[in-house]
Protein backbone atom coordinates (compact mmCIF):
# COMPACT_ATOMS: atom_id res chain seq x y z
CA MET A 1 -33.44 3.12 22.28
CA TYR A 2 -36.17 0.63 22.85
CA TRP A 3 -37.31 -0.81 26.13
CA SER A 4 -37.71 -4.50 26.32
CA GLY A 5 -41.10 -5.55 27.57
CA LEU A 6 -39.95 -9.13 28.10
CA ASP A 7 -38.65 -8.66 31.60
CA SER A 8 -39.55 -6.48 34.58
CA THR A 9 -36.08 -4.89 34.90
CA ALA A 10 -36.73 -2.64 31.90
CA VAL A 11 -33.18 -2.84 30.55
CA PRO A 12 -32.78 -0.65 27.50
CA TYR A 13 -31.46 -2.24 24.33
CA ARG A 14 -30.82 -0.89 20.92
CA ARG A 15 -31.62 -2.50 17.65
CA PRO A 16 -28.42 -3.41 15.75
CA LYS A 17 -27.89 -1.50 12.54
CA PRO A 18 -27.66 -3.50 9.29
CA ILE A 19 -23.93 -2.83 9.00
CA GLU A 20 -23.34 -4.19 12.52
CA SER A 21 -25.33 -7.35 11.87
CA GLY A 22 -23.54 -8.05 8.58
CA ARG A 23 -26.60 -7.48 6.40
CA SER A 24 -24.99 -4.42 4.82
CA ALA A 25 -21.44 -3.48 3.80
CA PRO A 26 -19.78 -0.18 4.73
CA GLY A 27 -19.53 2.46 2.02
CA ARG A 28 -16.10 3.61 0.89
CA ASN A 29 -16.47 6.90 2.80
CA MET A 30 -17.33 4.98 5.95
CA VAL A 31 -13.88 3.38 5.72
CA VAL A 32 -11.90 6.40 4.51
CA ARG A 33 -13.20 9.05 6.92
CA PRO A 34 -12.16 7.30 10.16
CA ALA A 35 -8.77 6.50 8.60
CA ASP A 36 -8.38 10.20 7.72
CA SER A 37 -9.36 11.33 11.21
CA MET A 38 -6.84 8.91 12.77
CA ASP A 39 -4.10 10.00 10.33
CA LEU A 40 -3.36 6.40 9.44
CA PRO A 41 -0.37 5.77 7.17
CA LEU A 42 -1.20 5.08 3.54
CA ARG A 43 -0.34 1.39 3.89
CA GLU A 44 -2.83 0.88 6.73
CA ARG A 45 -5.52 2.81 4.83
CA HIS A 46 -5.03 0.47 1.88
CA GLU A 47 -5.37 -2.55 4.18
CA LEU A 48 -8.64 -1.20 5.60
CA LEU A 49 -10.01 -0.59 2.12
CA LEU A 50 -9.01 -4.08 0.97
CA HIS A 51 -10.66 -5.69 4.01
CA ALA A 52 -13.84 -3.70 3.29
CA GLY A 53 -13.80 -4.93 -0.32
CA TYR A 54 -12.56 -1.77 -2.04
CA ALA A 55 -9.50 -1.09 -4.17
CA PRO A 56 -6.77 0.97 -2.49
CA ALA A 57 -7.05 4.72 -2.84
CA PRO A 58 -4.79 6.58 -5.28
CA ASP A 59 -1.81 8.58 -4.01
CA PRO A 60 -3.28 11.44 -1.91
CA SER A 61 -0.68 13.91 -3.20
CA GLY A 62 -2.36 13.73 -6.58
CA THR A 63 0.85 12.83 -8.37
CA ALA A 64 1.03 9.75 -10.53
CA LEU A 65 2.73 6.78 -8.99
CA ARG A 66 6.10 6.34 -10.64
CA LEU A 67 7.20 2.87 -11.60
CA ALA A 68 10.84 3.75 -12.13
CA VAL A 69 13.06 6.57 -10.88
CA PRO A 70 16.00 7.73 -13.02
CA LEU A 71 19.31 8.30 -11.24
CA HIS A 72 22.50 10.15 -12.14
CA LEU A 73 25.58 8.66 -10.45
CA ARG A 74 29.30 9.31 -10.77
CA SER A 75 31.63 6.35 -10.40
CA SER A 76 35.08 5.19 -11.41
CA TYR A 77 33.39 3.86 -14.59
CA GLY A 78 32.10 7.33 -15.50
CA GLU A 79 28.66 8.85 -15.17
CA LEU A 80 25.97 6.21 -14.82
CA ARG A 81 22.30 6.70 -15.58
CA PRO A 82 20.42 3.72 -14.21
CA MET A 83 16.77 3.66 -13.27
CA THR A 84 15.53 1.92 -10.17
CA THR A 85 12.30 0.08 -9.66
CA VAL A 86 10.99 -1.62 -6.52
CA LEU A 87 8.96 -4.82 -6.52
CA SER A 88 6.80 -5.72 -3.53
CA PHE A 89 4.57 -8.71 -2.86
CA ALA A 90 1.38 -6.87 -1.95
CA THR A 91 -0.94 -9.88 -2.08
CA ALA A 92 1.28 -12.19 -0.06
CA VAL A 93 -0.46 -13.96 2.82
CA ASP A 94 2.75 -14.49 4.76
CA VAL A 95 3.67 -11.33 6.75
CA PRO A 96 7.47 -11.54 6.23
CA LEU A 97 6.91 -12.02 2.50
CA SER A 98 4.57 -9.02 2.35
CA GLU A 99 7.35 -6.88 3.87
CA LEU A 100 9.91 -8.03 1.29
CA LYS A 101 10.87 -5.50 -1.38
CA LEU A 102 13.26 -6.13 -4.26
CA GLU A 103 15.04 -3.19 -5.89
CA ALA A 104 16.51 -3.46 -9.37
CA PHE A 105 18.85 -1.03 -11.13
CA LEU A 106 18.53 -1.08 -14.91
CA PRO A 107 20.65 0.87 -17.42
CA THR A 108 18.90 3.63 -19.33
CA ASP A 109 21.60 4.17 -21.97
CA PRO A 110 24.32 2.11 -23.72
CA ALA A 111 27.16 3.78 -21.76
CA THR A 112 25.60 2.77 -18.44
CA ALA A 113 25.00 -0.77 -19.71
CA ASP A 114 28.65 -1.08 -20.77
CA ALA A 115 29.89 0.30 -17.43
CA LEU A 116 27.70 -2.13 -15.45
CA LEU A 117 28.88 -5.07 -17.57
CA ALA A 118 32.52 -4.01 -17.01
CA ALA A 119 31.93 -3.75 -13.24
CA ALA A 120 30.30 -7.20 -13.22
CA ALA A 121 33.28 -8.69 -15.10
CA VAL A 122 35.68 -7.26 -12.51
CA ALA A 123 33.55 -8.66 -9.67
CA ASP A 124 33.74 -12.20 -11.11
């Protein structure tokens, strides 16, 4: 704290820190630690990191992010083995578009591909 000698009321003021004045950027830990202490969801942590100019953190569980998940389903067409993948628009500026997620089911073997084509032919 410093006392201002400019006026007779002696109101204390504090000198702004470089990060508060915009002359310095926060370090990655300065963004991550408050998010950890507030138990923010992973999505909000990523947004904070992006706004601070950092890439989003990896998955905290330590497991690799999976791009596709294999499934085993039983249907009237037999046993199906599709994989599913989800597409999201993470860099969208429009909020409704950023919430949009598209899920695709793709066959992982010829039998599943044939069964899906047969189901599509019946649907037409």
